[in-house]
Amino acid sequence: MSIPKKFQLHHGLNRTSIKWDFFSQDVLPAWVAEMDFPLAPPIKEKLLAILNSSDTGYPSAHLEEELRTVFIERMQAQFDWTPSDLPPVYFQDAVQAIFHVVDCFTQKGDKLLTLTPIYPPFLEVGEKLDRPCSEIELSNINGVYRIPWDELRTAAKGARMLLLCNPHNPTGRVFSKSELQTLAEIVLENNLIVVADEIHADLIYTPHEHIPFAQISPEINAQTITLTSATKAFNLGGLRCAILAFGHIEQQKLFAKRPWQIRGGLNIMGIHATISAWRDGNTWLRETMKTLEQNRETLVDYIQNRLPEIICAKPQATYLAWLDCRNLNLGDDPAAHFLEHGKLGLSSGTFFGKAGAGFARLNFATSPTILNEALRRLEQSVKNTRG
């Protein structure tokens, strides 16, 4: 079945990004973490003003300093966290930042830790840079993914760095204050450096709240390098702007010795878009979260009532659903089955570590119409399995 043109022209926008361009035209994509929603009006207005004035040169130091100010204001207003008064480092995207940090603060052979299933670059960085990564598999207890503390404590002995994703991608967990405090104890006991990827922090569902890991204590702040961006909450991935914030001056000084040329610089539109998002985008974000919450309920109810073989823990954050398809007996990669039999493009669980075998990830940041079609295709492919 071909995707009706109205799906591709959602809200009158002809999408050419990787989400819509990766699969063939008869496949409905619900995989990579992009939204299908229109830009927040303040961001769109700012970008149009830049184009109208042909202001597409190199960004000034003054503009980067404004970005730093807005970043601090945003963290204080949203999360009651005041980042350390150290110059942040700007990156074009989060993956680039992760690779730079691991390369800077660890040596070949140093052990990394991460909680799986996990955003694939967390695993790829260890493989590419020759740092073995211990995968600590989260336990699904009564529909909530939990940290296996005994296993983590054992693995932390002799490790050098913890790669932490909170809110967690792909499970949608928002780790509680008590969980983060216990995690902090393990970090301090083993003198771990923490890379805290918090780019989904604005995408939280009530009653949950995001607590920056660096906020737990001054001692933890000194061990933590925080990575954030407006890209996920405001759909700005293609504008390339991420921020790395240090909690200890010695870490900041060491990183500052790396030539900026090997990471490049930001573009002027990405900086302005981020500033507009964090200063003026909250009204749009609140409305978007209402749509995402409705979509989340639709998805979970549909799966529970019509696809009981699939287990879907309700995400506490993000717009990503982690589908446990092991009861369908489709092997390690059920996304391949859904693609072939339902023309539905999901993310393969195998990309998210050993714990992802038998799982698939579904992106529900889209219109209710497109989501319903995605769920229909998912159900159809399962019916083909049932025979």
Protein backbone atom coordinates (compact mmCIF):
# COMPACT_ATOMS: atom_id res chain seq x y z
CA MET A 1 0.00 0.00 0.00
CA SER A 2 1.33 3.45 -0.89
CA ILE A 3 1.29 6.17 1.74
CA PRO A 4 -1.46 8.66 0.90
CA LYS A 5 -0.06 12.01 -0.15
CA LYS A 6 -1.70 13.67 2.86
CA PHE A 7 0.62 11.67 5.13
CA GLN A 8 3.72 13.00 3.43
CA LEU A 9 2.34 16.53 3.26
CA HIS A 10 1.49 16.54 6.95
CA HIS A 11 0.43 20.07 7.92
CA GLY A 12 1.32 21.15 4.38
CA LEU A 13 5.02 20.37 4.80
CA ASN A 14 6.82 18.26 2.22
CA ARG A 15 9.34 16.31 4.29
CA THR A 16 12.72 15.39 2.79
CA SER A 17 14.53 14.52 6.03
CA ILE A 18 15.98 11.08 6.68
CA LYS A 19 12.84 9.89 8.45
CA TRP A 20 10.76 10.22 5.29
CA ASP A 21 13.51 9.54 2.76
CA PHE A 22 15.13 6.38 4.18
CA PHE A 23 12.52 3.77 3.23
CA SER A 24 10.74 3.21 -0.07
CA GLN A 25 7.60 5.25 -0.76
CA ASP A 26 5.24 2.43 0.22
CA VAL A 27 6.64 2.30 3.77
CA LEU A 28 5.22 4.43 6.59
CA PRO A 29 8.21 5.58 8.68
CA ALA A 30 7.99 5.63 12.48
CA TRP A 31 11.61 5.12 13.43
CA VAL A 32 14.25 7.88 13.83
CA ALA A 33 13.67 10.47 16.58
CA GLU A 34 12.20 13.28 14.50
CA MET A 35 8.81 14.95 14.92
CA ASP A 36 6.31 15.53 12.14
CA PHE A 37 4.99 18.75 13.68
CA PRO A 38 5.44 22.28 12.30
CA LEU A 39 8.14 24.43 13.85
CA ALA A 40 7.29 26.57 16.86
CA PRO A 41 6.22 29.98 15.47
CA PRO A 42 8.96 31.96 17.29
CA ILE A 43 11.62 29.70 15.77
CA LYS A 44 10.13 29.90 12.31
CA GLU A 45 9.85 33.69 12.50
CA LYS A 46 13.48 34.00 13.57
CA LEU A 47 14.74 31.74 10.81
CA LEU A 48 12.72 33.59 8.19
CA ALA A 49 14.12 36.90 9.46
CA ILE A 50 17.65 35.51 9.07
CA LEU A 51 16.93 34.43 5.50
CA ASN A 52 15.22 37.69 4.61
CA SER A 53 18.27 39.64 5.76
CA SER A 54 20.72 37.10 4.26
CA ASP A 55 22.32 36.87 7.70
CA THR A 56 23.96 33.51 6.97
CA GLY A 57 27.59 34.29 7.77
CA TYR A 58 29.69 32.90 10.58
CA PRO A 59 28.25 33.30 14.10
CA SER A 60 29.91 35.89 16.31
CA ALA A 61 31.43 35.36 19.75
CA HIS A 62 28.68 37.64 21.08
CA LEU A 63 26.01 35.28 19.72
CA GLU A 64 27.68 32.24 21.29
CA GLU A 65 27.81 34.09 24.61
CA GLU A 66 24.09 34.79 24.31
CA LEU A 67 23.53 31.07 23.76
CA ARG A 68 25.46 30.37 26.97
CA THR A 69 23.28 32.85 28.88
CA VAL A 70 20.07 31.35 27.53
CA PHE A 71 21.28 27.83 28.33
CA ILE A 72 21.86 28.78 31.98
CA GLU A 73 18.50 30.58 32.17
CA ARG A 74 16.76 27.54 30.70
CA MET A 75 18.34 25.09 33.13
CA GLN A 76 17.43 27.32 36.08
CA ALA A 77 13.85 27.91 34.97
CA GLN A 78 13.01 24.35 33.88
CA PHE A 79 15.01 22.20 36.28
CA ASP A 80 16.10 24.46 39.13
CA TRP A 81 19.71 23.70 38.19
CA THR A 82 22.43 26.29 37.87
CA PRO A 83 25.27 24.89 35.76
CA SER A 84 28.83 25.55 36.88
CA ASP A 85 30.24 28.90 35.84
CA LEU A 86 32.56 27.30 33.30
CA PRO A 87 32.55 27.93 29.56
CA PRO A 88 30.46 25.26 27.82
CA VAL A 89 31.58 23.66 24.59
CA TYR A 90 29.34 23.72 21.54
CA PHE A 91 28.92 20.79 19.18
CA GLN A 92 26.98 20.20 16.03
CA ASP A 93 25.27 17.16 17.52
CA ALA A 94 25.17 14.96 20.58
CA VAL A 95 26.89 11.97 18.96
CA GLN A 96 29.89 14.09 18.04
CA ALA A 97 30.10 15.33 21.64
CA ILE A 98 29.93 11.81 23.09
CA PHE A 99 32.81 10.63 20.91
CA HIS A 100 34.95 13.66 21.81
CA VAL A 101 34.37 13.27 25.55
CA VAL A 102 35.14 9.55 25.59
CA ASP A 103 38.26 10.13 23.51
CA CYS A 104 39.43 12.96 25.79
CA PHE A 105 38.81 11.47 29.23
CA THR A 106 39.54 7.77 28.71
CA GLN A 107 42.34 5.70 27.24
CA LYS A 108 42.22 2.65 24.99
CA GLY A 109 41.22 -0.32 27.07
CA ASP A 110 39.38 1.73 29.71
CA LYS A 111 36.00 0.24 30.59
CA LEU A 112 32.77 2.10 29.95
CA LEU A 113 29.40 1.40 31.58
CA THR A 114 25.92 2.02 30.25
CA LEU A 115 22.33 0.97 30.97
CA THR A 116 20.81 -1.03 28.11
CA PRO A 117 18.88 -1.05 25.87
CA ILE A 118 20.50 2.25 24.96
CA TYR A 119 20.84 4.89 22.25
CA PRO A 120 23.14 3.12 19.75
CA PRO A 121 26.06 5.64 19.76
CA PHE A 122 26.65 4.81 23.43
CA LEU A 123 27.68 1.35 22.28
CA GLU A 124 29.32 2.42 19.05
CA VAL A 125 31.71 4.80 20.81
CA GLY A 126 33.24 1.97 22.82
CA GLU A 127 33.58 -0.22 19.75
CA LYS A 128 35.06 2.51 17.53
CA LEU A 129 37.47 3.89 20.14
CA ASP A 130 38.52 0.56 21.65
CA ARG A 131 36.95 1.09 25.05
CA PRO A 132 35.09 -2.07 26.16
CA CYS A 133 31.55 -1.25 27.25
CA SER A 134 29.73 -3.23 29.94
CA GLU A 135 26.01 -3.40 29.16
CA ILE A 136 23.93 -3.34 32.35
CA GLU A 137 20.49 -4.51 31.29
CA LEU A 138 17.54 -2.69 32.84
CA SER A 139 14.93 -4.95 34.40
CA ASN A 140 11.27 -4.56 33.47
CA ILE A 141 9.46 -4.81 36.79
CA ASN A 142 5.68 -4.40 36.61
CA GLY A 143 5.93 -2.31 33.47
CA VAL A 144 8.73 -0.02 34.69
CA TYR A 145 12.36 -0.38 33.72
CA ARG A 146 14.61 -0.52 36.81
CA ILE A 147 18.36 -0.42 37.37
CA PRO A 148 19.82 -3.76 38.62
CA TRP A 149 21.91 -2.29 41.41
CA ASP A 150 23.95 -5.36 42.37
CA GLU A 151 25.01 -5.95 38.77
CA LEU A 152 25.89 -2.30 38.32
CA ARG A 153 27.97 -2.20 41.52
CA THR A 154 29.93 -5.21 40.36
CA ALA A 155 30.50 -3.83 36.88
CA ALA A 156 31.53 -0.42 38.23
CA LYS A 157 34.64 -1.85 39.85
CA GLY A 158 37.53 -1.00 37.60
CA ALA A 159 35.41 1.08 35.20
CA ARG A 160 36.36 4.59 34.11
CA MET A 161 33.20 6.20 32.75
CA LEU A 162 29.42 5.90 32.98
CA LEU A 163 27.42 6.87 29.89
CA LEU A 164 24.05 7.89 31.34
CA CYS A 165 20.95 8.66 29.28
CA ASN A 166 18.21 10.35 31.33
CA PRO A 167 15.43 10.57 30.29
CA HIS A 168 16.27 7.17 28.92
CA ASN A 169 16.19 6.33 25.23
CA PRO A 170 14.59 3.94 24.22
CA THR A 171 12.63 2.85 27.33
CA GLY A 172 11.27 6.29 28.19
CA ARG A 173 12.25 6.03 31.86
CA VAL A 174 12.73 9.16 33.96
CA PHE A 175 14.99 8.12 36.80
CA SER A 176 13.76 9.29 40.20
CA LYS A 177 15.76 11.32 42.69
CA SER A 178 16.31 8.27 44.89
CA GLU A 179 17.57 6.27 41.91
CA LEU A 180 19.93 9.06 40.91
CA GLN A 181 21.20 9.33 44.48
CA THR A 182 21.96 5.61 44.57
CA LEU A 183 23.64 5.92 41.20
CA ALA A 184 25.65 8.84 42.58
CA GLU A 185 26.92 6.69 45.45
CA ILE A 186 28.24 4.12 42.97
CA VAL A 187 29.84 6.86 40.88
CA LEU A 188 31.67 8.34 43.86
CA GLU A 189 32.70 4.96 45.27
CA ASN A 190 34.38 4.10 41.97
CA ASN A 191 35.52 7.59 40.94
CA LEU A 192 33.64 7.38 37.65
CA ILE A 193 33.36 10.19 35.15
CA VAL A 194 29.72 10.58 34.07
CA VAL A 195 28.57 11.69 30.66
CA ALA A 196 24.91 12.63 31.22
CA ASP A 197 22.95 12.82 27.97
CA GLU A 198 19.84 14.82 28.91
CA ILE A 199 18.60 15.93 25.49
CA HIS A 200 15.09 14.54 26.12
CA ALA A 201 14.70 16.50 29.39
CA ASP A 202 11.89 18.74 28.11
CA LEU A 203 9.75 15.79 27.01
CA ILE A 204 8.41 14.65 30.39
CA TYR A 205 4.89 13.44 31.18
CA THR A 206 3.13 14.33 34.43
CA PRO A 207 3.75 13.46 37.27
CA HIS A 208 7.38 12.73 36.45
CA GLU A 209 10.12 15.34 36.58
CA HIS A 210 13.61 15.56 35.19
CA ILE A 211 16.46 15.99 37.67
CA PRO A 212 19.83 16.84 36.13
CA PHE A 213 22.40 14.36 37.40
CA ALA A 214 24.87 17.16 38.11
CA GLN A 215 22.32 18.64 40.51
CA ILE A 216 22.48 15.69 42.92
CA SER A 217 25.44 17.03 44.89
CA PRO A 218 28.54 19.24 44.50
CA GLU A 219 30.67 16.09 44.45
CA ILE A 220 28.61 14.60 41.63
CA ASN A 221 28.61 17.89 39.74
CA ALA A 222 32.42 17.71 39.71
CA GLN A 223 32.28 14.22 38.17
CA THR A 224 29.61 15.00 35.56
CA ILE A 225 29.75 16.31 32.01
CA THR A 226 26.23 17.21 30.90
CA LEU A 227 25.07 17.07 27.30
CA THR A 228 21.90 18.86 26.24
CA SER A 229 20.20 20.44 23.27
CA ALA A 230 16.88 21.87 22.07
CA THR A 231 16.90 19.49 19.12
CA LYS A 232 14.61 16.73 20.44
CA ALA A 233 11.94 18.83 22.13
CA PHE A 234 11.73 21.39 19.31
CA ASN A 235 12.64 19.18 16.31
CA LEU A 236 15.81 21.07 15.36
CA GLY A 237 18.13 18.14 14.61
CA GLY A 238 19.04 19.39 11.16
CA LEU A 239 20.11 22.78 12.54
CA ARG A 240 22.98 21.20 14.49
CA CYS A 241 23.40 22.73 17.94
CA ALA A 242 24.33 20.87 21.16
CA ILE A 243 25.90 22.02 24.43
CA LEU A 244 28.42 20.27 26.66
CA ALA A 245 28.63 21.63 30.22
CA PHE A 246 31.42 20.77 32.66
CA GLY A 247 31.16 20.55 36.42
CA HIS A 248 34.90 20.65 37.23
CA ILE A 249 37.40 23.22 36.06
CA GLU A 250 40.16 20.66 35.51
CA GLN A 251 37.94 18.71 33.14
CA GLN A 252 37.02 21.90 31.32
CA LYS A 253 40.67 22.94 31.02
CA LEU A 254 41.73 19.52 29.74
CA PHE A 255 39.00 19.51 27.12
CA ALA A 256 39.79 23.09 26.09
CA LYS A 257 43.25 21.92 24.97
CA ARG A 258 41.67 19.96 22.13
CA PRO A 259 41.80 21.93 18.87
CA TRP A 260 38.36 23.32 18.08
CA GLN A 261 39.04 22.57 14.42
CA ILE A 262 38.52 18.85 14.94
CA ARG A 263 34.93 19.43 16.03
CA GLY A 264 34.10 22.46 13.87
CA GLY A 265 31.72 25.25 14.80
CA LEU A 266 28.01 25.92 14.97
CA ASN A 267 25.96 27.57 12.26
CA ILE A 268 24.21 30.87 12.87
CA MET A 269 20.73 29.44 12.22
CA GLY A 270 21.19 26.63 14.73
CA ILE A 271 22.22 29.08 17.46
CA HIS A 272 19.31 31.45 16.78
CA ALA A 273 16.84 28.56 16.62
CA THR A 274 18.03 27.22 19.97
CA ILE A 275 17.85 30.64 21.60
CA SER A 276 14.32 31.16 20.24
CA ALA A 277 13.24 27.69 21.38
CA TRP A 278 14.47 28.11 24.93
CA ARG A 279 13.32 31.71 25.34
CA ASP A 280 10.02 31.75 23.49
CA GLY A 281 9.01 28.18 22.70
CA ASN A 282 7.25 27.07 25.87
CA THR A 283 3.70 27.73 24.64
CA TRP A 284 4.34 25.59 21.57
CA LEU A 285 6.01 22.91 23.69
CA ARG A 286 3.06 22.69 26.09
CA GLU A 287 0.64 22.16 23.20
CA THR A 288 2.97 19.63 21.60
CA MET A 289 3.22 17.68 24.85
CA LYS A 290 -0.60 17.49 24.95
CA THR A 291 -0.58 15.89 21.50
CA LEU A 292 2.23 13.54 22.48
CA GLU A 293 0.40 12.50 25.64
CA GLN A 294 -2.76 11.77 23.65
CA ASN A 295 -0.71 9.78 21.15
CA ARG A 296 0.98 7.87 23.96
CA GLU A 297 -2.40 6.88 25.40
CA THR A 298 -3.70 5.88 21.97
CA LEU A 299 -0.67 3.71 21.30
CA VAL A 300 -0.61 1.96 24.68
CA ASP A 301 -4.38 1.32 24.65
CA TYR A 302 -4.28 -0.01 21.08
CA ILE A 303 -1.48 -2.43 21.85
CA GLN A 304 -3.03 -3.65 25.10
CA ASN A 305 -6.46 -4.22 23.53
CA ARG A 306 -5.59 -5.41 20.03
CA LEU A 307 -2.00 -6.62 20.15
CA PRO A 308 -1.67 -8.32 23.54
CA GLU A 309 1.34 -10.35 22.38
CA ILE A 310 3.33 -7.10 22.35
CA ILE A 311 4.33 -5.60 25.69
CA CYS A 312 4.74 -1.82 25.77
CA ALA A 313 5.75 -0.11 29.00
CA LYS A 314 4.16 3.36 29.03
CA PRO A 315 7.01 5.85 28.51
CA GLN A 316 7.44 8.43 31.24
CA ALA A 317 9.23 10.73 28.78
CA THR A 318 10.23 11.05 25.10
CA TYR A 319 8.02 10.28 22.10
CA LEU A 320 9.48 6.80 21.65
CA ALA A 321 7.73 3.53 22.49
CA TRP A 322 9.83 0.45 23.26
CA LEU A 323 7.95 -2.63 22.02
CA ASP A 324 8.68 -6.06 23.48
CA CYS A 325 7.78 -8.41 20.63
CA ARG A 326 9.38 -11.58 21.94
CA ASN A 327 6.03 -13.33 22.41
CA LEU A 328 5.52 -13.13 18.65
CA ASN A 329 8.54 -15.38 18.05
CA LEU A 330 9.86 -13.21 15.23
CA GLY A 331 13.51 -13.61 16.14
CA ASP A 332 15.95 -10.93 17.20
CA ASP A 333 14.69 -8.31 14.73
CA PRO A 334 10.89 -8.03 14.65
CA ALA A 335 11.21 -4.64 12.92
CA ALA A 336 12.29 -6.55 9.80
CA HIS A 337 9.01 -8.49 9.91
CA PHE A 338 6.91 -5.35 10.35
CA LEU A 339 8.72 -3.77 7.42
CA GLU A 340 8.14 -6.73 5.13
CA HIS A 341 4.58 -7.62 6.14
CA GLY A 342 3.16 -4.26 7.24
CA LYS A 343 5.21 -1.73 5.25
CA LEU A 344 5.95 -0.06 8.59
CA GLY A 345 9.44 1.28 9.28
CA LEU A 346 10.47 0.96 12.94
CA SER A 347 13.91 1.06 14.59
CA SER A 348 15.44 -2.36 15.07
CA GLY A 349 15.91 -3.28 18.71
CA THR A 350 19.19 -5.00 17.90
CA PHE A 351 20.82 -1.57 17.43
CA PHE A 352 20.25 -0.83 21.13
CA GLY A 353 22.48 -3.55 22.53
CA LYS A 354 22.06 -7.18 23.57
CA ALA A 355 18.97 -6.22 25.58
CA GLY A 356 17.26 -5.08 22.36
CA ALA A 357 16.94 -8.52 20.77
CA GLY A 358 13.25 -9.18 20.10
CA PHE A 359 12.29 -5.50 20.47
CA ALA A 360 11.47 -2.59 18.16
CA ARG A 361 11.19 1.16 18.75
CA LEU A 362 8.25 3.20 17.47
CA ASN A 363 8.22 7.01 17.16
CA PHE A 364 4.76 8.45 17.94
CA ALA A 365 5.58 12.16 17.42
CA THR A 366 3.19 12.53 14.53
CA SER A 367 -0.44 13.33 13.77
CA PRO A 368 -3.17 11.05 15.18
CA THR A 369 -4.00 10.10 11.58
CA ILE A 370 -0.50 8.88 10.83
CA LEU A 371 -0.21 7.14 14.21
CA ASN A 372 -3.47 5.27 13.64
CA GLU A 373 -2.23 4.14 10.22
CA ALA A 374 1.06 3.00 11.77
CA LEU A 375 -0.81 0.98 14.39
CA ARG A 376 -3.08 -0.51 11.73
CA ARG A 377 -0.05 -1.65 9.76
CA LEU A 378 1.53 -3.05 12.91
CA GLU A 379 -1.63 -5.04 13.63
CA GLN A 380 -1.83 -6.28 10.05
CA SER A 381 1.74 -7.58 10.17
CA VAL A 382 0.98 -9.36 13.46
CA LYS A 383 -2.12 -10.94 11.92
CA ASN A 384 0.13 -12.28 9.19
CA THR A 385 2.23 -13.85 11.94
CA ARG A 386 -0.77 -15.39 13.65
CA GLY A 387 -1.80 -16.95 10.36
